[in-house]
Amino acid sequence: MIWPFYLAIQLLIYNLVRIVKLVHSIIRSI
């Protein structure tokens, strides 16, 4: 029962890292 919850958190962290990298690259280009 805990597996889907763990998978959702892992996916959320992965997406958060992608967003942070994207924002960082945008800030650097300005």
PDB file of N, CA and C in Angstrom:
ATOM      1  N   MET A   1       0.823  -1.217   0.000  1.00  0.00           N
ATOM      2  CA  MET A   1       0.000   0.000   0.000  1.00  0.00           C
ATOM      3  C   MET A   1       0.862   1.274   0.000  1.00  0.00           C
ATOM      4  N   ILE A   2       2.085   1.184   0.504  1.00  0.00           N
ATOM      5  CA  ILE A   2       2.953   2.373   0.587  1.00  0.00           C
ATOM      6  C   ILE A   2       3.672   2.660  -0.737  1.00  0.00           C
ATOM      7  N   TRP A   3       3.706   1.656  -1.632  1.00  0.00           N
ATOM      8  CA  TRP A   3       4.431   1.812  -2.896  1.00  0.00           C
ATOM      9  C   TRP A   3       3.962   2.988  -3.760  1.00  0.00           C
ATOM     10  N   PRO A   4       2.656   3.129  -4.040  1.00  0.00           N
ATOM     11  CA  PRO A   4       2.207   4.255  -4.883  1.00  0.00           C
ATOM     12  C   PRO A   4       2.560   5.609  -4.279  1.00  0.00           C
ATOM     13  N   PHE A   5       2.492   5.709  -2.962  1.00  0.00           N
ATOM     14  CA  PHE A   5       2.820   6.944  -2.252  1.00  0.00           C
ATOM     15  C   PHE A   5       4.296   7.290  -2.438  1.00  0.00           C
ATOM     16  N   TYR A   6       5.159   6.290  -2.303  1.00  0.00           N
ATOM     17  CA  TYR A   6       6.597   6.468  -2.484  1.00  0.00           C
ATOM     18  C   TYR A   6       6.917   6.875  -3.920  1.00  0.00           C
ATOM     19  N   LEU A   7       6.244   6.235  -4.865  1.00  0.00           N
ATOM     20  CA  LEU A   7       6.445   6.526  -6.284  1.00  0.00           C
ATOM     21  C   LEU A   7       6.011   7.951  -6.608  1.00  0.00           C
ATOM     22  N   ALA A   8       4.902   8.389  -6.030  1.00  0.00           N
ATOM     23  CA  ALA A   8       4.395   9.750  -6.248  1.00  0.00           C
ATOM     24  C   ALA A   8       5.377  10.787  -5.699  1.00  0.00           C
ATOM     25  N   ILE A   9       5.954  10.525  -4.534  1.00  0.00           N
ATOM     26  CA  ILE A   9       6.936  11.439  -3.936  1.00  0.00           C
ATOM     27  C   ILE A   9       8.194  11.505  -4.798  1.00  0.00           C
ATOM     28  N   GLN A  10       8.636  10.349  -5.295  1.00  0.00           N
ATOM     29  CA  GLN A  10       9.820  10.295  -6.142  1.00  0.00           C
ATOM     30  C   GLN A  10       9.604  11.093  -7.425  1.00  0.00           C
ATOM     31  N   LEU A  11       8.418  10.967  -8.014  1.00  0.00           N
ATOM     32  CA  LEU A  11       8.071  11.693  -9.232  1.00  0.00           C
ATOM     33  C   LEU A  11       8.004  13.196  -8.963  1.00  0.00           C
ATOM     34  N   LEU A  12       7.449  13.561  -7.814  1.00  0.00           N
ATOM     35  CA  LEU A  12       7.336  14.971  -7.422  1.00  0.00           C
ATOM     36  C   LEU A  12       8.726  15.594  -7.257  1.00  0.00           C
ATOM     37  N   ILE A  13       9.631  14.875  -6.597  1.00  0.00           N
ATOM     38  CA  ILE A  13      11.001  15.354  -6.393  1.00  0.00           C
ATOM     39  C   ILE A  13      11.711  15.514  -7.737  1.00  0.00           C
ATOM     40  N   TYR A  14      11.524  14.537  -8.636  1.00  0.00           N
ATOM     41  CA  TYR A  14      12.140  14.583  -9.958  1.00  0.00           C
ATOM     42  C   TYR A  14      11.670  15.807 -10.740  1.00  0.00           C
ATOM     43  N   ASN A  15      10.362  16.062 -10.705  1.00  0.00           N
ATOM     44  CA  ASN A  15       9.802  17.228 -11.396  1.00  0.00           C
ATOM     45  C   ASN A  15      10.283  18.528 -10.766  1.00  0.00           C
ATOM     46  N   LEU A  16      10.401  18.551  -9.448  1.00  0.00           N
ATOM     47  CA  LEU A  16      10.881  19.734  -8.734  1.00  0.00           C
ATOM     48  C   LEU A  16      12.319  20.056  -9.136  1.00  0.00           C
ATOM     49  N   VAL A  17      13.162  19.041  -9.230  1.00  0.00           N
ATOM     50  CA  VAL A  17      14.558  19.217  -9.646  1.00  0.00           C
ATOM     51  C   VAL A  17      14.622  19.774 -11.065  1.00  0.00           C
ATOM     52  N   ARG A  18      13.765  19.255 -11.953  1.00  0.00           N
ATOM     53  CA  ARG A  18      13.722  19.743 -13.337  1.00  0.00           C
ATOM     54  C   ARG A  18      13.319  21.214 -13.396  1.00  0.00           C
ATOM     55  N   ILE A  19      12.333  21.594 -12.612  1.00  0.00           N
ATOM     56  CA  ILE A  19      11.861  22.988 -12.575  1.00  0.00           C
ATOM     57  C   ILE A  19      12.963  23.904 -12.034  1.00  0.00           C
ATOM     58  N   VAL A  20      13.640  23.470 -10.982  1.00  0.00           N
ATOM     59  CA  VAL A  20      14.722  24.265 -10.388  1.00  0.00           C
ATOM     60  C   VAL A  20      15.850  24.474 -11.402  1.00  0.00           C
ATOM     61  N   LYS A  21      16.219  23.419 -12.142  1.00  0.00           N
ATOM     62  CA  LYS A  21      17.266  23.535 -13.161  1.00  0.00           C
ATOM     63  C   LYS A  21      16.844  24.486 -14.271  1.00  0.00           C
ATOM     64  N   LEU A  22      15.584  24.407 -14.665  1.00  0.00           N
ATOM     65  CA  LEU A  22      15.051  25.279 -15.711  1.00  0.00           C
ATOM     66  C   LEU A  22      15.091  26.740 -15.270  1.00  0.00           C
ATOM     67  N   VAL A  23      14.620  27.004 -14.058  1.00  0.00           N
ATOM     68  CA  VAL A  23      14.621  28.363 -13.506  1.00  0.00           C
ATOM     69  C   VAL A  23      16.056  28.886 -13.390  1.00  0.00           C
ATOM     70  N   HIS A  24      16.966  28.031 -12.953  1.00  0.00           N
ATOM     71  CA  HIS A  24      18.365  28.423 -12.803  1.00  0.00           C
ATOM     72  C   HIS A  24      18.981  28.805 -14.139  1.00  0.00           C
ATOM     73  N   SER A  25      18.670  28.055 -15.185  1.00  0.00           N
ATOM     74  CA  SER A  25      19.193  28.354 -16.521  1.00  0.00           C
ATOM     75  C   SER A  25      18.606  29.657 -17.071  1.00  0.00           C
ATOM     76  N   ILE A  26      17.335  29.911 -16.762  1.00  0.00           N
ATOM     77  CA  ILE A  26      16.681  31.156 -17.195  1.00  0.00           C
ATOM     78  C   ILE A  26      17.312  32.357 -16.485  1.00  0.00           C
ATOM     79  N   ILE A  27      17.546  32.227 -15.188  1.00  0.00           N
ATOM     80  CA  ILE A  27      18.156  33.307 -14.404  1.00  0.00           C
ATOM     81  C   ILE A  27      19.579  33.585 -14.907  1.00  0.00           C
ATOM     82  N   ARG A  28      20.300  32.530 -15.244  1.00  0.00           N
ATOM     83  CA  ARG A  28      21.673  32.666 -15.718  1.00  0.00           C
ATOM     84  C   ARG A  28      21.725  33.387 -17.071  1.00  0.00           C
ATOM     85  N   SER A  29      20.738  33.140 -17.912  1.00  0.00           N
ATOM     86  CA  SER A  29      20.716  33.739 -19.259  1.00  0.00           C
ATOM     87  C   SER A  29      20.341  35.218 -19.251  1.00  0.00           C
ATOM     88  N   ILE A  30      19.719  35.672 -18.175  1.00  0.00           N
ATOM     89  CA  ILE A  30      19.312  37.085 -18.090  1.00  0.00           C
ATOM     90  C   ILE A  30      20.538  37.962 -17.782  1.00  0.00           C
TER      91      ILE A  30
END
